[in-house]
């Protein structure tokens, strides 16, 4: 159930997403909570770490596992600004996280119901509760602003490159 504390945890996930953005990463942040305590945090680091698995959820799961000294995060809740992808959803299932609460849906790679749902698959050995839409507009806007800025930067880079090529002809 989404409650007032849920907003606090999602706001923290959004702060972590801002950290990712400041590092040139796609702004996604994740927080894992157990017994009203944050036990794991993460933000996207794939580009900087040269690691396709360095998604916010994966970073938070690793940190939480270290904190509780167990890969099983039974009764934990994961808050994440963007719907988990299939890789992260698989890790969530394997870590036995009880519940996922996410902000923005991912209509391209969402694995919590938007494209596929690995949390309720008939073949899953662990079912994960999932709620979507917590602070959805703010989470979506954070991502959209990032991609809008990136497209503008790429466009400017192409203009400069063409001008340089023209100058050298």
C-alpha atoms as a PDB file:
ATOM      1  CA  UNK A   1       0.000   0.000   0.000  1.00  0.00           C
ATOM      2  CA  UNK A   2       1.316   3.424  -0.972  1.00  0.00           C
ATOM      3  CA  UNK A   3       1.472   5.745   2.046  1.00  0.00           C
ATOM      4  CA  UNK A   4       3.176   8.969   3.150  1.00  0.00           C
ATOM      5  CA  UNK A   5       6.486   7.157   3.716  1.00  0.00           C
ATOM      6  CA  UNK A   6       6.282   5.926   0.123  1.00  0.00           C
ATOM      7  CA  UNK A   7       6.498   9.525  -1.078  1.00  0.00           C
ATOM      8  CA  UNK A   8       9.592  10.078   1.064  1.00  0.00           C
ATOM      9  CA  UNK A   9      11.302   7.009  -0.408  1.00  0.00           C
ATOM     10  CA  UNK A  10      10.359   7.939  -3.979  1.00  0.00           C
ATOM     11  CA  UNK A  11      11.668  11.470  -3.438  1.00  0.00           C
ATOM     12  CA  UNK A  12      14.956   9.910  -2.331  1.00  0.00           C
ATOM     13  CA  UNK A  13      14.948   7.733  -5.479  1.00  0.00           C
ATOM     14  CA  UNK A  14      14.443  10.899  -7.548  1.00  0.00           C
ATOM     15  CA  UNK A  15      17.427  12.526  -5.789  1.00  0.00           C
ATOM     16  CA  UNK A  16      19.504   9.485  -6.744  1.00  0.00           C
ATOM     17  CA  UNK A  17      18.215   9.783 -10.319  1.00  0.00           C
ATOM     18  CA  UNK A  18      19.465  13.382 -10.318  1.00  0.00           C
ATOM     19  CA  UNK A  19      22.872  12.056  -9.241  1.00  0.00           C
ATOM     20  CA  UNK A  20      22.827   9.706 -12.224  1.00  0.00           C
ATOM     21  CA  UNK A  21      21.992  12.597 -14.531  1.00  0.00           C
ATOM     22  CA  UNK A  22      24.816  14.714 -13.096  1.00  0.00           C
ATOM     23  CA  UNK A  23      27.151  11.872 -14.074  1.00  0.00           C
ATOM     24  CA  UNK A  24      25.806  11.765 -17.640  1.00  0.00           C
ATOM     25  CA  UNK A  25      23.663   8.693 -16.994  1.00  0.00           C
ATOM     26  CA  UNK A  26      19.975   8.122 -17.692  1.00  0.00           C
ATOM     27  CA  UNK A  27      18.268   9.504 -14.549  1.00  0.00           C
ATOM     28  CA  UNK A  28      16.913   6.469 -12.743  1.00  0.00           C
ATOM     29  CA  UNK A  29      17.175   6.009  -8.997  1.00  0.00           C
ATOM     30  CA  UNK A  30      16.223   3.167  -6.676  1.00  0.00           C
ATOM     31  CA  UNK A  31      15.813   2.700  -2.922  1.00  0.00           C
ATOM     32  CA  UNK A  32      15.238  -0.550  -1.010  1.00  0.00           C
ATOM     33  CA  UNK A  33      13.454  -0.344   2.327  1.00  0.00           C
ATOM     34  CA  UNK A  34      13.161  -3.014   5.024  1.00  0.00           C
ATOM     35  CA  UNK A  35      11.430  -2.373   8.344  1.00  0.00           C
ATOM     36  CA  UNK A  36      11.203   1.363   7.616  1.00  0.00           C
ATOM     37  CA  UNK A  37      14.962   1.610   7.023  1.00  0.00           C
ATOM     38  CA  UNK A  38      16.738   2.242   3.729  1.00  0.00           C
ATOM     39  CA  UNK A  39      19.073  -0.720   3.247  1.00  0.00           C
ATOM     40  CA  UNK A  40      20.103  -0.110  -0.342  1.00  0.00           C
ATOM     41  CA  UNK A  41      20.338   2.746  -2.801  1.00  0.00           C
ATOM     42  CA  UNK A  42      21.411   2.972  -6.398  1.00  0.00           C
ATOM     43  CA  UNK A  43      21.393   5.055  -9.530  1.00  0.00           C
ATOM     44  CA  UNK A  44      22.210   4.248 -13.123  1.00  0.00           C
ATOM     45  CA  UNK A  45      25.948   3.866 -13.714  1.00  0.00           C
ATOM     46  CA  UNK A  46      26.096   1.801 -16.915  1.00  0.00           C
ATOM     47  CA  UNK A  47      27.878   4.416 -19.026  1.00  0.00           C
ATOM     48  CA  UNK A  48      30.523   5.432 -16.500  1.00  0.00           C
ATOM     49  CA  UNK A  49      31.138   1.899 -15.264  1.00  0.00           C
ATOM     50  CA  UNK A  50      31.117   0.425 -18.795  1.00  0.00           C
ATOM     51  CA  UNK A  51      28.721  -2.156 -17.364  1.00  0.00           C
ATOM     52  CA  UNK A  52      25.361  -2.979 -18.939  1.00  0.00           C
ATOM     53  CA  UNK A  53      24.197  -4.413 -15.615  1.00  0.00           C
ATOM     54  CA  UNK A  54      24.837  -1.231 -13.605  1.00  0.00           C
ATOM     55  CA  UNK A  55      21.192  -0.185 -13.458  1.00  0.00           C
ATOM     56  CA  UNK A  56      19.821   1.633 -10.399  1.00  0.00           C
ATOM     57  CA  UNK A  57      17.914  -1.436  -9.196  1.00  0.00           C
ATOM     58  CA  UNK A  58      20.951  -3.695  -9.528  1.00  0.00           C
ATOM     59  CA  UNK A  59      23.111  -1.260  -7.551  1.00  0.00           C
ATOM     60  CA  UNK A  60      20.478  -1.020  -4.800  1.00  0.00           C
ATOM     61  CA  UNK A  61      20.048  -4.814  -4.646  1.00  0.00           C
ATOM     62  CA  UNK A  62      23.807  -5.318  -4.303  1.00  0.00           C
ATOM     63  CA  UNK A  63      24.064  -2.739  -1.534  1.00  0.00           C
ATOM     64  CA  UNK A  64      21.042  -4.130   0.322  1.00  0.00           C
ATOM     65  CA  UNK A  65      22.403  -7.673   0.132  1.00  0.00           C
ATOM     66  CA  UNK A  66      25.677  -6.494   1.652  1.00  0.00           C
ATOM     67  CA  UNK A  67      23.821  -4.625   4.394  1.00  0.00           C
ATOM     68  CA  UNK A  68      21.702  -7.604   5.487  1.00  0.00           C
ATOM     69  CA  UNK A  69      24.429 -10.132   4.609  1.00  0.00           C
ATOM     70  CA  UNK A  70      22.021 -12.163   2.507  1.00  0.00           C
ATOM     71  CA  UNK A  71      21.046 -12.128  -1.157  1.00  0.00           C
ATOM     72  CA  UNK A  72      17.447 -12.753  -0.136  1.00  0.00           C
ATOM     73  CA  UNK A  73      15.722  -9.484   0.627  1.00  0.00           C
ATOM     74  CA  UNK A  74      12.516 -11.007   1.961  1.00  0.00           C
ATOM     75  CA  UNK A  75       9.881  -8.449   3.032  1.00  0.00           C
ATOM     76  CA  UNK A  76      11.808  -5.571   1.408  1.00  0.00           C
ATOM     77  CA  UNK A  77      10.204  -2.966  -0.838  1.00  0.00           C
ATOM     78  CA  UNK A  78      11.982  -1.444  -3.832  1.00  0.00           C
ATOM     79  CA  UNK A  79      11.099   2.097  -4.904  1.00  0.00           C
ATOM     80  CA  UNK A  80      12.313   3.015  -8.382  1.00  0.00           C
ATOM     81  CA  UNK A  81      11.633   6.008 -10.597  1.00  0.00           C
ATOM     82  CA  UNK A  82      11.198   3.945 -13.789  1.00  0.00           C
ATOM     83  CA  UNK A  83       9.547   0.580 -14.318  1.00  0.00           C
ATOM     84  CA  UNK A  84      12.177  -2.195 -14.122  1.00  0.00           C
ATOM     85  CA  UNK A  85      13.519  -3.772 -17.311  1.00  0.00           C
ATOM     86  CA  UNK A  86      13.613  -7.579 -17.746  1.00  0.00           C
ATOM     87  CA  UNK A  87      17.155  -7.848 -16.336  1.00  0.00           C
ATOM     88  CA  UNK A  88      16.263  -5.912 -13.204  1.00  0.00           C
ATOM     89  CA  UNK A  89      12.929  -7.684 -12.823  1.00  0.00           C
ATOM     90  CA  UNK A  90      14.787 -11.011 -12.903  1.00  0.00           C
ATOM     91  CA  UNK A  91      17.171  -9.818 -10.189  1.00  0.00           C
ATOM     92  CA  UNK A  92      14.214  -8.582  -8.131  1.00  0.00           C
ATOM     93  CA  UNK A  93      12.578 -12.009  -8.359  1.00  0.00           C
ATOM     94  CA  UNK A  94      15.842 -13.803  -7.489  1.00  0.00           C
ATOM     95  CA  UNK A  95      16.437 -11.529  -4.508  1.00  0.00           C
ATOM     96  CA  UNK A  96      12.919 -12.299  -3.236  1.00  0.00           C
ATOM     97  CA  UNK A  97      11.980  -8.648  -2.861  1.00  0.00           C
ATOM     98  CA  UNK A  98       8.385  -8.560  -1.679  1.00  0.00           C
ATOM     99  CA  UNK A  99       7.150  -5.440  -3.426  1.00  0.00           C
ATOM    100  CA  UNK A 100       8.118  -2.959  -6.140  1.00  0.00           C
ATOM    101  CA  UNK A 101       6.684   0.539  -6.338  1.00  0.00           C
ATOM    102  CA  UNK A 102       7.666   2.498  -9.423  1.00  0.00           C
ATOM    103  CA  UNK A 103       6.949   5.951 -10.795  1.00  0.00           C
ATOM    104  CA  UNK A 104       6.977   6.102 -14.584  1.00  0.00           C
ATOM    105  CA  UNK A 105       6.014   3.229 -16.854  1.00  0.00           C
ATOM    106  CA  UNK A 106       8.460   2.113 -19.550  1.00  0.00           C
ATOM    107  CA  UNK A 107       6.546   1.377 -22.736  1.00  0.00           C
ATOM    108  CA  UNK A 108       9.684   0.067 -24.484  1.00  0.00           C
ATOM    109  CA  UNK A 109      11.232  -2.360 -22.008  1.00  0.00           C
ATOM    110  CA  UNK A 110       8.959  -2.396 -18.961  1.00  0.00           C
ATOM    111  CA  UNK A 111       8.843  -5.821 -17.338  1.00  0.00           C
ATOM    112  CA  UNK A 112       6.302  -5.044 -14.617  1.00  0.00           C
ATOM    113  CA  UNK A 113       3.228  -4.916 -16.799  1.00  0.00           C
ATOM    114  CA  UNK A 114       3.796  -2.330 -19.539  1.00  0.00           C
ATOM    115  CA  UNK A 115       5.399  -4.679 -22.078  1.00  0.00           C
ATOM    116  CA  UNK A 116       5.661  -7.931 -20.140  1.00  0.00           C
ATOM    117  CA  UNK A 117       5.206  -8.875 -16.502  1.00  0.00           C
ATOM    118  CA  UNK A 118       7.901 -11.074 -15.017  1.00  0.00           C
ATOM    119  CA  UNK A 119       6.537 -10.571 -11.502  1.00  0.00           C
ATOM    120  CA  UNK A 120       3.346 -12.540 -12.108  1.00  0.00           C
ATOM    121  CA  UNK A 121       4.495 -14.956 -14.801  1.00  0.00           C
ATOM    122  CA  UNK A 122       3.068 -18.448 -14.455  1.00  0.00           C
ATOM    123  CA  UNK A 123       6.639 -19.761 -14.536  1.00  0.00           C
ATOM    124  CA  UNK A 124       7.919 -17.465 -11.751  1.00  0.00           C
ATOM    125  CA  UNK A 125       9.141 -19.159  -8.584  1.00  0.00           C
ATOM    126  CA  UNK A 126       8.556 -15.969  -6.558  1.00  0.00           C
ATOM    127  CA  UNK A 127       5.754 -13.500  -7.120  1.00  0.00           C
ATOM    128  CA  UNK A 128       6.441  -9.824  -6.536  1.00  0.00           C
ATOM    129  CA  UNK A 129       3.730  -7.360  -5.581  1.00  0.00           C
ATOM    130  CA  UNK A 130       3.854  -4.301  -7.780  1.00  0.00           C
ATOM    131  CA  UNK A 131       2.304  -0.844  -7.701  1.00  0.00           C
ATOM    132  CA  UNK A 132       2.834   1.774 -10.367  1.00  0.00           C
ATOM    133  CA  UNK A 133       2.290   5.482 -10.662  1.00  0.00           C
ATOM    134  CA  UNK A 134       3.799   6.821  -7.427  1.00  0.00           C
ATOM    135  CA  UNK A 135       4.863  10.394  -8.265  1.00  0.00           C
ATOM    136  CA  UNK A 136       4.496   9.294 -11.880  1.00  0.00           C
ATOM    137  CA  UNK A 137       4.362  12.760 -13.415  1.00  0.00           C
ATOM    138  CA  UNK A 138       7.495  13.970 -11.595  1.00  0.00           C
ATOM    139  CA  UNK A 139       9.406  10.784 -12.477  1.00  0.00           C
ATOM    140  CA  UNK A 140       8.338  10.958 -16.127  1.00  0.00           C
ATOM    141  CA  UNK A 141       9.194  14.660 -16.365  1.00  0.00           C
ATOM    142  CA  UNK A 142      12.667  14.011 -14.945  1.00  0.00           C
ATOM    143  CA  UNK A 143      13.330  11.440 -17.668  1.00  0.00           C
ATOM    144  CA  UNK A 144      11.742  13.469 -20.470  1.00  0.00           C
ATOM    145  CA  UNK A 145      13.709  16.606 -19.580  1.00  0.00           C
ATOM    146  CA  UNK A 146      16.932  14.585 -19.648  1.00  0.00           C
ATOM    147  CA  UNK A 147      16.239  13.092 -23.084  1.00  0.00           C
ATOM    148  CA  UNK A 148      15.055  16.431 -24.486  1.00  0.00           C
ATOM    149  CA  UNK A 149      18.313  18.048 -23.332  1.00  0.00           C
ATOM    150  CA  UNK A 150      20.371  15.143 -24.733  1.00  0.00           C
ATOM    151  CA  UNK A 151      18.675  15.399 -28.142  1.00  0.00           C
ATOM    152  CA  UNK A 152      19.366  19.146 -28.217  1.00  0.00           C
ATOM    153  CA  UNK A 153      23.021  18.573 -27.271  1.00  0.00           C
ATOM    154  CA  UNK A 154      23.426  15.921 -29.990  1.00  0.00           C
ATOM    155  CA  UNK A 155      21.846  18.231 -32.545  1.00  0.00           C
ATOM    156  CA  UNK A 156      24.286  21.016 -31.600  1.00  0.00           C
ATOM    157  CA  UNK A 157      27.214  18.582 -31.795  1.00  0.00           C
ATOM    158  CA  UNK A 158      26.164  17.572 -35.322  1.00  0.00           C
ATOM    159  CA  UNK A 159      25.920  21.237 -36.366  1.00  0.00           C
ATOM    160  CA  UNK A 160      29.408  21.962 -35.053  1.00  0.00           C
ATOM    161  CA  UNK A 161      30.770  18.858 -36.734  1.00  0.00           C
ATOM    162  CA  UNK A 162      29.233  19.840 -40.087  1.00  0.00           C
ATOM    163  CA  UNK A 163      30.557  23.391 -39.744  1.00  0.00           C
ATOM    164  CA  UNK A 164      34.033  22.038 -39.028  1.00  0.00           C
ATOM    165  CA  UNK A 165      33.848  19.688 -42.012  1.00  0.00           C
ATOM    166  CA  UNK A 166      32.699  22.531 -44.274  1.00  0.00           C
ATOM    167  CA  UNK A 167      35.509  24.760 -42.995  1.00  0.00           C
ATOM    168  CA  UNK A 168      38.113  22.070 -43.772  1.00  0.00           C
ATOM    169  CA  UNK A 169      36.949  21.530 -47.373  1.00  0.00           C
END
